[in-house]
C-alpha cells in the first residue's frame, strides 16, 4: 500500500490495537513516534473525560505544554 500516512485501529478482546504505515521519504521515525505519543495522550484524555469537546482535550505532554506556553509569552 502506497500512502503518505495511514492509521488503522481495531479492537481485540479488551485491547485497542493499531497499525501505522507511513512514507519514509516524508516522515522520519522520530516524527512518527512523537505523533503516536500525541495520539496516545489524546486517547487517554478521551477515556478520562469522554464528555469533553475534542478541542479541549490534551495532545501534548507536560514538557511540550510548558514549552508552548513559555514560547507563547515571549
Protein backbone atom coordinates (compact mmCIF):
# COMPACT_ATOMS: atom_id res chain seq x y z
CA UNK A 1 0.00 0.00 0.00
CA UNK A 2 1.48 3.35 -1.00
CA UNK A 3 0.24 6.13 1.24
CA UNK A 4 1.74 9.17 2.93
CA UNK A 5 0.28 8.30 6.34
CA UNK A 6 -2.30 5.66 7.24
CA UNK A 7 -3.57 4.61 10.68
CA UNK A 8 -5.84 1.63 11.19
CA UNK A 9 -7.20 0.53 14.55
CA UNK A 10 -9.22 -2.41 15.73
CA UNK A 11 -10.44 -3.95 18.96
CA UNK A 12 -9.09 -7.27 20.16
CA UNK A 13 -10.72 -8.61 23.33
CA UNK A 14 -10.12 -5.79 25.83
CA UNK A 15 -7.35 -4.11 23.82
CA UNK A 16 -7.24 -1.48 21.13
CA UNK A 17 -4.61 -2.35 18.54
CA UNK A 18 -3.32 -0.19 15.75
CA UNK A 19 -1.01 -0.09 12.79
CA UNK A 20 0.58 2.99 11.33
CA UNK A 21 2.01 2.97 7.82
CA UNK A 22 3.96 5.99 6.62
CA UNK A 23 6.15 7.12 3.75
CA UNK A 24 9.73 7.16 4.98
CA UNK A 25 10.53 9.74 2.30
CA UNK A 26 8.20 12.17 4.09
CA UNK A 27 8.44 11.22 7.78
CA UNK A 28 11.33 10.12 9.95
CA UNK A 29 10.97 7.72 12.86
CA UNK A 30 11.32 10.48 15.46
CA UNK A 31 8.44 12.47 13.98
CA UNK A 32 6.15 9.44 13.69
CA UNK A 33 6.96 8.37 17.23
CA UNK A 34 6.10 11.85 18.51
CA UNK A 35 2.82 11.82 16.56
CA UNK A 36 1.91 8.46 18.12
CA UNK A 37 2.75 9.77 21.59
CA UNK A 38 0.45 12.75 20.99
CA UNK A 39 -2.30 10.42 19.77
CA UNK A 40 -1.92 8.29 22.90
CA UNK A 41 -2.21 11.37 25.12
CA UNK A 42 -5.37 12.34 23.21
CA UNK A 43 -6.88 8.85 23.63
CA UNK A 44 -6.09 8.89 27.35
CA UNK A 45 -7.79 12.28 27.60
CA UNK A 46 -10.88 10.92 25.85
CA UNK A 47 -11.07 8.00 28.27
CA UNK A 48 -10.58 10.30 31.28
CA UNK A 49 -13.16 12.88 30.10
CA UNK A 50 -15.41 11.41 27.39
CA UNK A 51 -17.86 14.34 27.51
CA UNK A 52 -15.22 16.98 26.72
CA UNK A 53 -15.03 18.68 23.35
CA UNK A 54 -12.16 17.46 21.22
CA UNK A 55 -10.65 20.95 21.19
CA UNK A 56 -10.33 20.92 24.99
CA UNK A 57 -8.58 17.55 25.22
CA UNK A 58 -4.81 17.35 25.67
CA UNK A 59 -2.46 16.11 22.96
CA UNK A 60 0.89 17.39 24.27
CA UNK A 61 2.89 16.05 27.19
CA UNK A 62 3.62 18.31 30.18
CA UNK A 63 7.04 19.36 28.90
CA UNK A 64 5.64 20.33 25.49
CA UNK A 65 2.77 22.23 27.12
CA UNK A 66 5.18 24.24 29.29
CA UNK A 67 7.39 24.95 26.27
CA UNK A 68 4.40 26.09 24.22
CA UNK A 69 3.20 28.38 27.00
CA UNK A 70 6.71 29.77 27.52
CA UNK A 71 7.16 30.44 23.81
CA UNK A 72 3.70 32.00 23.58
CA UNK A 73 4.54 34.59 26.19
CA UNK A 74 7.88 35.61 24.69
